[in-house]
Amino acid sequence: MAPARRAGSVVVPEAPRSVVLPSGREVAVRAVGTTGAGLLDVPDDVEVAGWWRGGSRLGDPFGATLLAAHVDSRTQGLGPFAELLSARPGARLRLAGRRVGQAWAIRSRQLVRQGTLDNHPELFDPAGARRLVLVTCAPPYVAARGGYQNLAVLTAAPAGPPEAR
């Protein structure tokens, strides 16, 4: 991908590099794909979110930008995405790339059963209305059933246009 730059009055899309959560905490973002089982290959480090490179980039005019991170880890403790479990509609986020930034406002939070998101293409589809989708594990945690049973899915809408930084 070429670095973002102003081309007239248009921002050239690029991969996100960080997200600032409603608390003000900044989380690094790196590009990820899917595993052989079709699941998102979320970074092991709870301090890093994965951006699904099959979705929309920062600055794209349409579609979903999907970010996911672990809520916690046995060895690393609670991760920053844990705050999303209590985030409310209207809370602000900021997504930034190397040369582009954009403000977002949370519109909804829902629980989805843990596993593949194939039944929820609106969460990762690079078509349709512009949206930011954040995903993390959510209670209940049942060790005998493999861990967290749900995913918290937050959808945010642009709170302003993408801007060159």
Protein backbone atom coordinates (compact mmCIF):
# COMPACT_ATOMS: atom_id res chain seq x y z
CA MET A 1 0.00 0.00 0.00
CA ALA A 2 1.23 3.46 -0.82
CA PRO A 3 1.51 5.92 2.06
CA ALA A 4 -1.47 8.22 2.46
CA ARG A 5 -1.14 11.71 1.14
CA ARG A 6 -3.39 14.50 0.01
CA ALA A 7 -4.23 14.13 -3.68
CA GLY A 8 -6.07 17.40 -4.27
CA SER A 9 -8.73 17.28 -1.54
CA VAL A 10 -8.81 13.48 -1.29
CA VAL A 11 -6.96 11.48 1.36
CA VAL A 12 -5.31 8.36 -0.05
CA PRO A 13 -6.39 5.33 2.04
CA GLU A 14 -3.86 3.43 4.15
CA ALA A 15 -3.61 0.72 6.79
CA PRO A 16 -4.45 1.80 10.35
CA ARG A 17 -1.49 1.79 12.77
CA SER A 18 -3.18 2.72 16.06
CA VAL A 19 -6.54 3.29 17.71
CA VAL A 20 -7.20 5.59 20.66
CA LEU A 21 -9.93 4.07 22.84
CA PRO A 22 -12.59 6.12 24.70
CA SER A 23 -10.35 6.19 27.83
CA GLY A 24 -7.60 7.88 25.80
CA ARG A 25 -5.43 4.77 25.77
CA GLU A 26 -3.61 4.21 22.49
CA VAL A 27 -3.38 0.66 21.12
CA ALA A 28 -1.01 -0.37 18.35
CA VAL A 29 -2.62 -1.99 15.29
CA ARG A 30 -1.03 -4.42 12.86
CA ALA A 31 -2.39 -6.09 9.73
CA VAL A 32 -3.64 -9.67 10.10
CA GLY A 33 -5.26 -12.34 7.97
CA THR A 34 -7.23 -15.44 8.86
CA THR A 35 -6.16 -18.83 10.16
CA GLY A 36 -6.58 -22.08 8.23
CA ALA A 37 -9.86 -22.54 10.16
CA GLY A 38 -11.15 -19.21 8.84
CA LEU A 39 -10.82 -17.36 12.14
CA LEU A 40 -9.24 -13.94 12.44
CA ASP A 41 -5.56 -14.29 13.36
CA VAL A 42 -5.66 -11.93 16.37
CA PRO A 43 -2.20 -10.92 17.72
CA ASP A 44 -1.19 -12.86 20.86
CA ASP A 45 -0.08 -9.63 22.59
CA VAL A 46 -3.13 -8.15 24.40
CA GLU A 47 -1.59 -4.70 23.85
CA VAL A 48 -1.87 -5.02 20.05
CA ALA A 49 -5.02 -5.09 17.91
CA GLY A 50 -5.27 -6.79 14.55
CA TRP A 51 -6.70 -5.01 11.51
CA TRP A 52 -8.22 -7.46 9.04
CA ARG A 53 -6.43 -6.56 5.81
CA GLY A 54 -9.33 -7.96 3.74
CA GLY A 55 -11.53 -5.08 4.88
CA SER A 56 -11.54 -1.34 4.35
CA ARG A 57 -8.54 0.86 5.07
CA LEU A 58 -8.43 4.13 6.93
CA GLY A 59 -9.64 6.75 4.46
CA ASP A 60 -11.66 4.40 2.26
CA PRO A 61 -15.06 5.90 1.39
CA PHE A 62 -17.13 2.81 2.22
CA GLY A 63 -17.10 -0.53 4.04
CA ALA A 64 -16.00 -1.91 7.39
CA THR A 65 -12.60 -1.54 9.03
CA LEU A 66 -12.40 -4.48 11.44
CA LEU A 67 -10.09 -4.37 14.48
CA ALA A 68 -9.85 -7.21 17.01
CA ALA A 69 -7.80 -7.81 20.16
CA HIS A 70 -7.82 -10.22 23.07
CA VAL A 71 -9.67 -9.00 26.15
CA ASP A 72 -7.09 -10.65 28.44
CA SER A 73 -4.48 -13.36 28.76
CA ARG A 74 -3.45 -15.74 31.53
CA THR A 75 0.13 -14.46 31.30
CA GLN A 76 -0.43 -10.80 30.33
CA GLY A 77 -3.53 -9.92 32.35
CA LEU A 78 -6.28 -7.58 31.23
CA GLY A 79 -5.81 -5.93 27.84
CA PRO A 80 -6.92 -2.45 26.73
CA PHE A 81 -9.84 -3.80 24.67
CA ALA A 82 -11.47 -4.87 27.98
CA GLU A 83 -12.78 -1.31 28.27
CA LEU A 84 -14.95 -1.97 25.22
CA LEU A 85 -17.11 -4.29 27.33
CA SER A 86 -18.54 -1.22 29.08
CA ALA A 87 -18.20 1.41 26.31
CA ARG A 88 -21.43 3.25 25.55
CA PRO A 89 -22.90 4.68 22.36
CA GLY A 90 -21.52 8.14 21.69
CA ALA A 91 -18.07 7.34 23.12
CA ARG A 92 -15.28 8.57 20.83
CA LEU A 93 -12.39 6.72 19.25
CA ARG A 94 -9.59 7.87 16.96
CA LEU A 95 -8.07 5.70 14.27
CA ALA A 96 -4.68 6.72 12.88
CA GLY A 97 -2.42 5.57 10.13
CA ARG A 98 0.96 6.87 9.15
CA ARG A 99 -0.46 9.99 7.50
CA VAL A 100 -4.23 9.82 7.99
CA GLY A 101 -6.41 10.13 11.11
CA GLN A 102 -10.16 9.95 11.69
CA ALA A 103 -12.51 10.37 14.65
CA TRP A 104 -15.29 7.84 15.26
CA ALA A 105 -18.33 7.61 17.55
CA ILE A 106 -19.60 4.29 18.89
CA ARG A 107 -23.12 3.59 17.67
CA SER A 108 -23.81 0.10 19.03
CA ARG A 109 -22.50 -2.76 21.14
CA GLN A 110 -23.76 -6.30 20.73
CA LEU A 111 -22.84 -9.82 21.82
CA VAL A 112 -22.22 -12.48 19.18
CA ARG A 113 -21.53 -16.16 19.92
CA GLN A 114 -17.81 -16.96 19.86
CA GLY A 115 -16.51 -18.43 16.60
CA THR A 116 -16.53 -17.49 12.97
CA LEU A 117 -18.18 -14.25 11.87
CA ASP A 118 -19.36 -15.76 8.56
CA ASN A 119 -22.98 -15.29 9.66
CA HIS A 120 -22.28 -11.57 10.22
CA PRO A 121 -20.76 -10.27 6.96
CA GLU A 122 -21.78 -6.70 7.83
CA LEU A 123 -19.00 -6.74 10.44
CA PHE A 124 -16.20 -7.16 7.94
CA ASP A 125 -17.64 -6.42 4.49
CA PRO A 126 -15.61 -3.84 2.53
CA ALA A 127 -18.89 -2.64 0.95
CA GLY A 128 -21.77 -0.63 2.38
CA ALA A 129 -21.77 2.31 4.76
CA ARG A 130 -18.44 3.41 6.24
CA ARG A 131 -17.96 1.91 9.72
CA LEU A 132 -15.34 0.87 12.25
CA VAL A 133 -15.95 -2.50 13.92
CA LEU A 134 -14.09 -3.47 17.11
CA VAL A 135 -14.21 -7.04 18.42
CA THR A 136 -13.01 -8.68 21.64
CA CYS A 137 -13.96 -11.70 23.73
CA ALA A 138 -16.81 -11.31 26.20
CA PRO A 139 -18.23 -13.28 29.17
CA PRO A 140 -19.17 -15.77 30.23
CA TYR A 141 -15.84 -17.56 30.50
CA VAL A 142 -16.34 -21.33 30.66
CA ALA A 143 -13.02 -23.21 30.73
CA ALA A 144 -14.69 -26.56 30.02
CA ARG A 145 -16.19 -25.10 26.82
CA GLY A 146 -12.98 -23.51 25.52
CA GLY A 147 -13.02 -20.11 27.23
CA TYR A 148 -15.09 -17.04 26.45
CA GLN A 149 -18.45 -17.87 24.93
CA ASN A 150 -19.17 -14.52 23.28
CA LEU A 151 -17.64 -11.71 21.31
CA ALA A 152 -18.37 -8.07 22.10
CA VAL A 153 -18.84 -6.26 18.79
CA LEU A 154 -18.86 -2.48 18.74
CA THR A 155 -19.74 -0.56 15.62
CA ALA A 156 -18.70 3.07 15.21
CA ALA A 157 -19.57 5.65 12.57
CA PRO A 158 -17.30 8.43 11.32
CA ALA A 159 -17.44 11.51 13.58
CA GLY A 160 -15.70 13.54 10.88
CA PRO A 161 -13.90 13.03 7.60
CA PRO A 162 -10.48 11.38 7.34
CA GLU A 163 -7.76 14.00 7.60
CA ALA A 164 -4.11 14.12 6.60
CA ARG A 165 -1.94 14.21 9.73
